[in-house]
């Protein structure tokens, strides 16, 4: 169970996420003119064809909404959190320590009495040590992306954990104005993603993702933003994942409560090695 908790905690993502018709108004009117009858002779003349100019249609100019979501910038983060996990008929609650070196390394330690597991995420891979069973699991992002038909990468994991948009806003993304915020619509592979951004502070508030079949969907909520130095960091990250399997909907929820967040200039440490006695799974 620790392995699956670690993977879900790491990704927080779905793995099992008026087009207007332009009517051209073109109107033609044909008028037939004939001379009046004179005497007893009807003199027919060629009909005169007159064509009206096409009616001019005013096409409203849709002004593009410009919005730049606020992102957390840092060198190192030290986070102490509590995880509440439920899924597959089981529930767990345990503390986890998270160290992050921006755009480089995420280190996690899951503590259940003693350290039950330790994991590390780099640009290339995800490795998890199950200390209870003296085994380890290793995945690479290329294989995971191919397996789940979704572009899984380090940046995605880091963004979800700290409250940045999972996929950075692109010029081609559709932006809609909502009450008190903006809705940024994205598509990544077969996954449709809606990002709700607050108008007040431009922070990400909610992510809804679903695959095109509707078989899998995920919702992430970010709440209780803490002002740390000049940053706003969400204290709570709540994820709910629904995935269909064998005709049934499997529900999983992972709630992450950050109890302590430190922005550091010095490394908090990323000690990690695979003991020789551990066997791969």
Foldseek 3Di string as FASTA:
>chain_A
DVVVVVVCLQQLDWFCWPPDDDDFAADFDFDFDADDDDDPDGDGDDGDGDGDDGDDDDDDDDDADDAAFDDDDFQKKWFKKWKWKDWPNDIDIFIKIWIDGPQAKIKIFTQDPHTQKIWMFGQFKIKMAGPVVQAIEIDTQVVSCVNRVFRDGNQLSVCLVWQHPSDGDDPPWGWDDDVQWIWTWDDTGQKTKIWTAGPVRSTTAKIWTAGNVRQKIKIWGFDDWDCDPNDTTGQKIKMWIWHDDPNDTIIMIMIMGTPDMDRDPDGPDRDDDRDPSYYYD
